[in-house]
Amino acid sequence: MEAKPPGSPGGLKRILSENDCSQLSEKLLIQITDEYQTMEQNNTTLTAELERKEREISFLKTERARVDGGLYELNEMVKLLKLQLAEHKQEVSSDAKVLASPLTKDSTFRRSRSADLSNSPRSSPTSSPKAIGTSGMFKAKALFSNFSTNTGVRQLHFSKGDIIEVLERHTSGMWMGRNKQNKHGYFPRNLVKIIG
């Protein structure tokens, strides 16, 4: 038989002895074992990283739920505050209307005086109030507004601060005067202050 050259397959088998094969197998086994251990370490690292990320995700979900709950509570509080603000604005508006009404400040007097005057024979539309002696006209400043219309006599309408020309003073407490629009009518004397 002819000997095959070392480069041919058959020659390689002859060159590698059993000892060489055993050493090569051990080297491959060590290399595979090293690669397996490296892969195991990488797998352990990746598993730990994955677990850490899952814990972070769980924490973030919990935080989000807490924040969402807090936001819900804040939204509810904002709704409640808006409702309270609207109610407060309505009350303030209501109060402002009452303060701006012509019956403000002396409304109790006006209502009771109006009732007295409407029941009094002196205040009926057919009889005029009895005049007290007055020597000419004088001026008075309105301390309150007068827009009452239910006294049974022709009322003089004016606003607080207006200057009224007093034409007649009457025993009933109702005076005759002229406002800045040159209108004549009666008004309660306690709504004005004489200025000259």
C-alpha atoms as a PDB file:
ATOM      1  CA  MET A   1       0.000   0.000   0.000  1.00  0.00           C
ATOM      2  CA  GLU A   2       1.041   3.401  -0.766  1.00  0.00           C
ATOM      3  CA  ALA A   3       1.372   5.970   1.917  1.00  0.00           C
ATOM      4  CA  LYS A   4      -0.947   8.958   1.476  1.00  0.00           C
ATOM      5  CA  PRO A   5       0.486  12.421   1.744  1.00  0.00           C
ATOM      6  CA  PRO A   6      -0.093  14.224   5.040  1.00  0.00           C
ATOM      7  CA  GLY A   7      -2.440  16.811   3.409  1.00  0.00           C
ATOM      8  CA  SER A   8      -4.965  14.242   2.294  1.00  0.00           C
ATOM      9  CA  PRO A   9      -7.783  13.002   4.545  1.00  0.00           C
ATOM     10  CA  GLY A  10      -6.429   9.614   4.888  1.00  0.00           C
ATOM     11  CA  GLY A  11      -3.021  11.015   5.768  1.00  0.00           C
ATOM     12  CA  LEU A  12      -4.488  13.173   8.518  1.00  0.00           C
ATOM     13  CA  LYS A  13      -5.965  10.146  10.189  1.00  0.00           C
ATOM     14  CA  ARG A  14      -2.631   8.553  10.217  1.00  0.00           C
ATOM     15  CA  ILE A  15      -0.848  11.613  11.518  1.00  0.00           C
ATOM     16  CA  LEU A  16      -3.310  12.213  14.404  1.00  0.00           C
ATOM     17  CA  SER A  17      -2.761   9.690  16.994  1.00  0.00           C
ATOM     18  CA  GLU A  18      -5.130   8.681  19.616  1.00  0.00           C
ATOM     19  CA  ASN A  19      -3.358  10.902  22.064  1.00  0.00           C
ATOM     20  CA  ASP A  20      -3.670  13.898  19.762  1.00  0.00           C
ATOM     21  CA  CYS A  21      -7.393  13.273  19.340  1.00  0.00           C
ATOM     22  CA  SER A  22      -7.845  13.116  23.051  1.00  0.00           C
ATOM     23  CA  GLN A  23      -6.011  16.409  23.555  1.00  0.00           C
ATOM     24  CA  LEU A  24      -8.029  18.070  20.784  1.00  0.00           C
ATOM     25  CA  SER A  25     -11.265  16.786  22.297  1.00  0.00           C
ATOM     26  CA  GLU A  26     -10.279  18.176  25.679  1.00  0.00           C
ATOM     27  CA  LYS A  27      -9.418  21.574  24.191  1.00  0.00           C
ATOM     28  CA  LEU A  28     -12.764  21.688  22.352  1.00  0.00           C
ATOM     29  CA  LEU A  29     -14.575  20.587  25.490  1.00  0.00           C
ATOM     30  CA  ILE A  30     -12.820  23.319  27.547  1.00  0.00           C
ATOM     31  CA  GLN A  31     -13.598  25.910  24.864  1.00  0.00           C
ATOM     32  CA  ILE A  32     -17.268  24.828  24.704  1.00  0.00           C
ATOM     33  CA  THR A  33     -17.458  24.790  28.511  1.00  0.00           C
ATOM     34  CA  ASP A  34     -15.931  28.305  28.674  1.00  0.00           C
ATOM     35  CA  GLU A  35     -18.406  29.556  26.054  1.00  0.00           C
ATOM     36  CA  TYR A  36     -21.276  27.891  27.936  1.00  0.00           C
ATOM     37  CA  GLN A  37     -20.204  29.494  31.210  1.00  0.00           C
ATOM     38  CA  THR A  38     -19.893  32.863  29.478  1.00  0.00           C
ATOM     39  CA  MET A  39     -23.374  32.392  28.027  1.00  0.00           C
ATOM     40  CA  GLU A  40     -24.664  31.365  31.488  1.00  0.00           C
ATOM     41  CA  GLN A  41     -23.118  34.483  33.024  1.00  0.00           C
ATOM     42  CA  ASN A  42     -24.621  36.613  30.253  1.00  0.00           C
ATOM     43  CA  ASN A  43     -27.978  34.881  30.779  1.00  0.00           C
ATOM     44  CA  THR A  44     -27.778  35.508  34.556  1.00  0.00           C
ATOM     45  CA  THR A  45     -26.874  39.165  33.930  1.00  0.00           C
ATOM     46  CA  LEU A  46     -29.706  39.539  31.413  1.00  0.00           C
ATOM     47  CA  THR A  47     -32.157  37.805  33.779  1.00  0.00           C
ATOM     48  CA  ALA A  48     -31.140  40.131  36.617  1.00  0.00           C
ATOM     49  CA  GLU A  49     -31.487  43.120  34.294  1.00  0.00           C
ATOM     50  CA  LEU A  50     -34.894  41.891  33.154  1.00  0.00           C
ATOM     51  CA  GLU A  51     -36.052  41.468  36.753  1.00  0.00           C
ATOM     52  CA  ARG A  52     -34.781  44.969  37.610  1.00  0.00           C
ATOM     53  CA  LYS A  53     -36.665  46.423  34.621  1.00  0.00           C
ATOM     54  CA  GLU A  54     -39.823  44.539  35.643  1.00  0.00           C
ATOM     55  CA  ARG A  55     -39.523  45.979  39.168  1.00  0.00           C
ATOM     56  CA  GLU A  56     -39.101  49.472  37.691  1.00  0.00           C
ATOM     57  CA  ILE A  57     -42.144  48.948  35.458  1.00  0.00           C
ATOM     58  CA  SER A  58     -44.160  47.722  38.447  1.00  0.00           C
ATOM     59  CA  PHE A  59     -43.031  50.741  40.503  1.00  0.00           C
ATOM     60  CA  LEU A  60     -43.877  53.111  37.646  1.00  0.00           C
ATOM     61  CA  LYS A  61     -47.307  51.507  37.254  1.00  0.00           C
ATOM     62  CA  THR A  62     -47.924  51.935  40.986  1.00  0.00           C
ATOM     63  CA  GLU A  63     -46.730  55.530  40.834  1.00  0.00           C
ATOM     64  CA  ARG A  64     -48.894  56.206  37.799  1.00  0.00           C
ATOM     65  CA  ALA A  65     -51.929  54.778  39.565  1.00  0.00           C
ATOM     66  CA  ARG A  66     -51.129  56.937  42.606  1.00  0.00           C
ATOM     67  CA  VAL A  67     -50.656  60.031  40.413  1.00  0.00           C
ATOM     68  CA  ASP A  68     -53.829  59.248  38.455  1.00  0.00           C
ATOM     69  CA  GLY A  69     -55.691  58.905  41.760  1.00  0.00           C
ATOM     70  CA  GLY A  70     -54.182  62.182  42.928  1.00  0.00           C
ATOM     71  CA  LEU A  71     -55.109  63.855  39.654  1.00  0.00           C
ATOM     72  CA  TYR A  72     -58.642  62.548  39.978  1.00  0.00           C
ATOM     73  CA  GLU A  73     -58.833  63.961  43.502  1.00  0.00           C
ATOM     74  CA  LEU A  74     -57.369  67.272  42.298  1.00  0.00           C
ATOM     75  CA  ASN A  75     -59.884  67.423  39.444  1.00  0.00           C
ATOM     76  CA  GLU A  76     -62.701  66.761  41.892  1.00  0.00           C
ATOM     77  CA  MET A  77     -61.366  69.482  44.185  1.00  0.00           C
ATOM     78  CA  VAL A  78     -61.131  71.900  41.241  1.00  0.00           C
ATOM     79  CA  LYS A  79     -64.733  71.092  40.276  1.00  0.00           C
ATOM     80  CA  LEU A  80     -65.852  71.674  43.858  1.00  0.00           C
ATOM     81  CA  LEU A  81     -63.918  74.954  44.075  1.00  0.00           C
ATOM     82  CA  LYS A  82     -65.400  76.121  40.753  1.00  0.00           C
ATOM     83  CA  LEU A  83     -68.877  75.307  42.027  1.00  0.00           C
ATOM     84  CA  GLN A  84     -68.214  77.152  45.295  1.00  0.00           C
ATOM     85  CA  LEU A  85     -66.804  80.115  43.346  1.00  0.00           C
ATOM     86  CA  ALA A  86     -69.883  80.233  41.128  1.00  0.00           C
ATOM     87  CA  GLU A  87     -72.128  80.145  44.205  1.00  0.00           C
ATOM     88  CA  HIS A  88     -70.061  82.872  45.832  1.00  0.00           C
ATOM     89  CA  LYS A  89     -70.243  85.022  42.683  1.00  0.00           C
ATOM     90  CA  GLN A  90     -73.997  84.531  42.622  1.00  0.00           C
ATOM     91  CA  GLU A  91     -74.229  85.579  46.283  1.00  0.00           C
ATOM     92  CA  VAL A  92     -72.021  88.623  45.648  1.00  0.00           C
ATOM     93  CA  SER A  93     -74.093  89.534  42.601  1.00  0.00           C
ATOM     94  CA  SER A  94     -77.241  89.124  44.661  1.00  0.00           C
ATOM     95  CA  ASP A  95     -75.791  91.286  47.428  1.00  0.00           C
ATOM     96  CA  ALA A  96     -74.712  93.907  44.887  1.00  0.00           C
ATOM     97  CA  LYS A  97     -78.233  94.014  43.437  1.00  0.00           C
ATOM     98  CA  VAL A  98     -79.690  94.445  46.910  1.00  0.00           C
ATOM     99  CA  LEU A  99     -77.204  97.205  47.693  1.00  0.00           C
ATOM    100  CA  ALA A 100     -77.955  98.913  44.389  1.00  0.00           C
ATOM    101  CA  SER A 101     -81.713  98.686  44.821  1.00  0.00           C
ATOM    102  CA  PRO A 102     -83.560 101.881  45.694  1.00  0.00           C
ATOM    103  CA  LEU A 103     -84.849 100.399  48.935  1.00  0.00           C
ATOM    104  CA  THR A 104     -81.364  99.765  50.326  1.00  0.00           C
ATOM    105  CA  LYS A 105     -80.259 101.178  53.661  1.00  0.00           C
ATOM    106  CA  ASP A 106     -83.598 102.681  54.671  1.00  0.00           C
ATOM    107  CA  SER A 107     -85.854  99.974  53.262  1.00  0.00           C
ATOM    108  CA  THR A 108     -87.522  99.194  56.580  1.00  0.00           C
ATOM    109  CA  PHE A 109     -88.409 102.830  57.080  1.00  0.00           C
ATOM    110  CA  ARG A 110     -89.624 103.204  53.512  1.00  0.00           C
ATOM    111  CA  ARG A 111     -91.820 100.129  53.694  1.00  0.00           C
ATOM    112  CA  SER A 112     -93.316 101.052  57.071  1.00  0.00           C
ATOM    113  CA  ARG A 113     -93.635 104.729  56.123  1.00  0.00           C
ATOM    114  CA  SER A 114     -95.244 103.776  52.804  1.00  0.00           C
ATOM    115  CA  ALA A 115     -97.764 101.614  54.635  1.00  0.00           C
ATOM    116  CA  ASP A 116     -98.456 104.433  57.098  1.00  0.00           C
ATOM    117  CA  LEU A 117     -98.874 106.950  54.306  1.00  0.00           C
ATOM    118  CA  SER A 118    -101.124 104.742  52.217  1.00  0.00           C
ATOM    119  CA  ASN A 119    -103.416 104.193  55.223  1.00  0.00           C
ATOM    120  CA  SER A 120    -103.382 107.851  56.202  1.00  0.00           C
ATOM    121  CA  PRO A 121    -106.119 110.183  54.882  1.00  0.00           C
ATOM    122  CA  ARG A 122    -103.482 112.852  54.286  1.00  0.00           C
ATOM    123  CA  SER A 123    -101.684 110.677  51.742  1.00  0.00           C
ATOM    124  CA  SER A 124    -104.623 109.710  49.614  1.00  0.00           C
ATOM    125  CA  PRO A 125    -104.417 110.894  45.999  1.00  0.00           C
ATOM    126  CA  THR A 126    -107.517 113.036  46.486  1.00  0.00           C
ATOM    127  CA  SER A 127    -106.091 115.056  49.363  1.00  0.00           C
ATOM    128  CA  SER A 128    -102.734 116.782  49.382  1.00  0.00           C
ATOM    129  CA  PRO A 129    -100.508 116.914  52.477  1.00  0.00           C
ATOM    130  CA  LYS A 130    -100.947 119.861  54.801  1.00  0.00           C
ATOM    131  CA  ALA A 131     -98.125 122.355  54.254  1.00  0.00           C
ATOM    132  CA  ILE A 132     -96.090 123.815  57.087  1.00  0.00           C
ATOM    133  CA  GLY A 133     -95.098 127.421  56.711  1.00  0.00           C
ATOM    134  CA  THR A 134     -92.016 127.679  54.551  1.00  0.00           C
ATOM    135  CA  SER A 135     -90.326 130.830  53.508  1.00  0.00           C
ATOM    136  CA  GLY A 136     -89.260 130.155  49.925  1.00  0.00           C
ATOM    137  CA  MET A 137     -87.244 127.286  48.468  1.00  0.00           C
ATOM    138  CA  PHE A 138     -84.117 125.683  49.861  1.00  0.00           C
ATOM    139  CA  LYS A 139     -81.840 122.869  48.771  1.00  0.00           C
ATOM    140  CA  ALA A 140     -81.227 119.422  50.212  1.00  0.00           C
ATOM    141  CA  LYS A 141     -78.765 116.666  49.359  1.00  0.00           C
ATOM    142  CA  ALA A 142     -80.111 113.118  48.956  1.00  0.00           C
ATOM    143  CA  LEU A 143     -78.632 110.786  51.574  1.00  0.00           C
ATOM    144  CA  PHE A 144     -80.373 107.781  49.984  1.00  0.00           C
ATOM    145  CA  SER A 145     -82.004 106.980  46.670  1.00  0.00           C
ATOM    146  CA  ASN A 146     -85.786 107.224  46.359  1.00  0.00           C
ATOM    147  CA  PHE A 147     -87.556 105.167  43.715  1.00  0.00           C
ATOM    148  CA  SER A 148     -90.578 104.073  45.735  1.00  0.00           C
ATOM    149  CA  THR A 149     -93.926 104.137  43.895  1.00  0.00           C
ATOM    150  CA  ASN A 150     -96.370 102.565  46.336  1.00  0.00           C
ATOM    151  CA  THR A 151     -97.181 105.437  48.721  1.00  0.00           C
ATOM    152  CA  GLY A 152    -100.318 106.698  47.013  1.00  0.00           C
ATOM    153  CA  VAL A 153     -98.809 110.102  46.218  1.00  0.00           C
ATOM    154  CA  ARG A 154     -96.697 111.266  43.302  1.00  0.00           C
ATOM    155  CA  GLN A 155     -93.136 110.399  44.354  1.00  0.00           C
ATOM    156  CA  LEU A 156     -90.057 112.386  43.438  1.00  0.00           C
ATOM    157  CA  HIS A 157     -87.404 110.005  42.182  1.00  0.00           C
ATOM    158  CA  PHE A 158     -83.727 110.746  42.839  1.00  0.00           C
ATOM    159  CA  SER A 159     -80.418 109.013  43.509  1.00  0.00           C
ATOM    160  CA  LYS A 160     -78.099 109.277  46.468  1.00  0.00           C
ATOM    161  CA  GLY A 161     -76.038 112.465  46.205  1.00  0.00           C
ATOM    162  CA  ASP A 162     -78.566 114.354  44.021  1.00  0.00           C
ATOM    163  CA  ILE A 163     -79.397 117.943  44.969  1.00  0.00           C
ATOM    164  CA  ILE A 164     -83.143 118.437  45.498  1.00  0.00           C
ATOM    165  CA  GLU A 165     -84.922 121.782  45.551  1.00  0.00           C
ATOM    166  CA  VAL A 166     -87.362 121.620  48.458  1.00  0.00           C
ATOM    167  CA  LEU A 167     -90.540 123.499  47.500  1.00  0.00           C
ATOM    168  CA  GLU A 168     -92.823 122.633  50.457  1.00  0.00           C
ATOM    169  CA  ARG A 169     -92.467 120.933  53.820  1.00  0.00           C
ATOM    170  CA  HIS A 170     -95.507 119.034  55.156  1.00  0.00           C
ATOM    171  CA  THR A 171     -96.531 117.759  58.587  1.00  0.00           C
ATOM    172  CA  SER A 172     -96.794 114.235  57.220  1.00  0.00           C
ATOM    173  CA  GLY A 173     -93.003 114.057  56.883  1.00  0.00           C
ATOM    174  CA  MET A 174     -93.346 114.116  53.104  1.00  0.00           C
ATOM    175  CA  TRP A 175     -91.823 117.122  51.382  1.00  0.00           C
ATOM    176  CA  MET A 176     -92.505 118.471  47.901  1.00  0.00           C
ATOM    177  CA  GLY A 177     -89.423 118.975  45.767  1.00  0.00           C
ATOM    178  CA  ARG A 178     -87.915 119.178  42.317  1.00  0.00           C
ATOM    179  CA  ASN A 179     -85.113 116.888  41.089  1.00  0.00           C
ATOM    180  CA  LYS A 180     -82.340 117.578  38.563  1.00  0.00           C
ATOM    181  CA  GLN A 181     -84.622 116.441  35.714  1.00  0.00           C
ATOM    182  CA  ASN A 182     -87.005 119.271  36.760  1.00  0.00           C
ATOM    183  CA  LYS A 183     -89.666 116.757  37.889  1.00  0.00           C
ATOM    184  CA  HIS A 184     -91.861 117.519  40.889  1.00  0.00           C
ATOM    185  CA  GLY A 185     -93.047 115.108  43.562  1.00  0.00           C
ATOM    186  CA  TYR A 186     -93.098 114.135  47.216  1.00  0.00           C
ATOM    187  CA  PHE A 187     -90.344 112.379  49.138  1.00  0.00           C
ATOM    188  CA  PRO A 188     -89.712 111.414  52.784  1.00  0.00           C
ATOM    189  CA  ARG A 189     -87.808 114.181  54.572  1.00  0.00           C
ATOM    190  CA  ASN A 190     -85.436 111.697  56.267  1.00  0.00           C
ATOM    191  CA  LEU A 191     -83.913 110.782  52.878  1.00  0.00           C
ATOM    192  CA  VAL A 192     -82.259 114.204  52.530  1.00  0.00           C
ATOM    193  CA  LYS A 193     -80.079 116.636  54.436  1.00  0.00           C
ATOM    194  CA  ILE A 194     -80.759 120.355  54.170  1.00  0.00           C
ATOM    195  CA  ILE A 195     -77.742 122.160  52.692  1.00  0.00           C
ATOM    196  CA  GLY A 196     -79.103 125.694  52.208  1.00  0.00           C
END
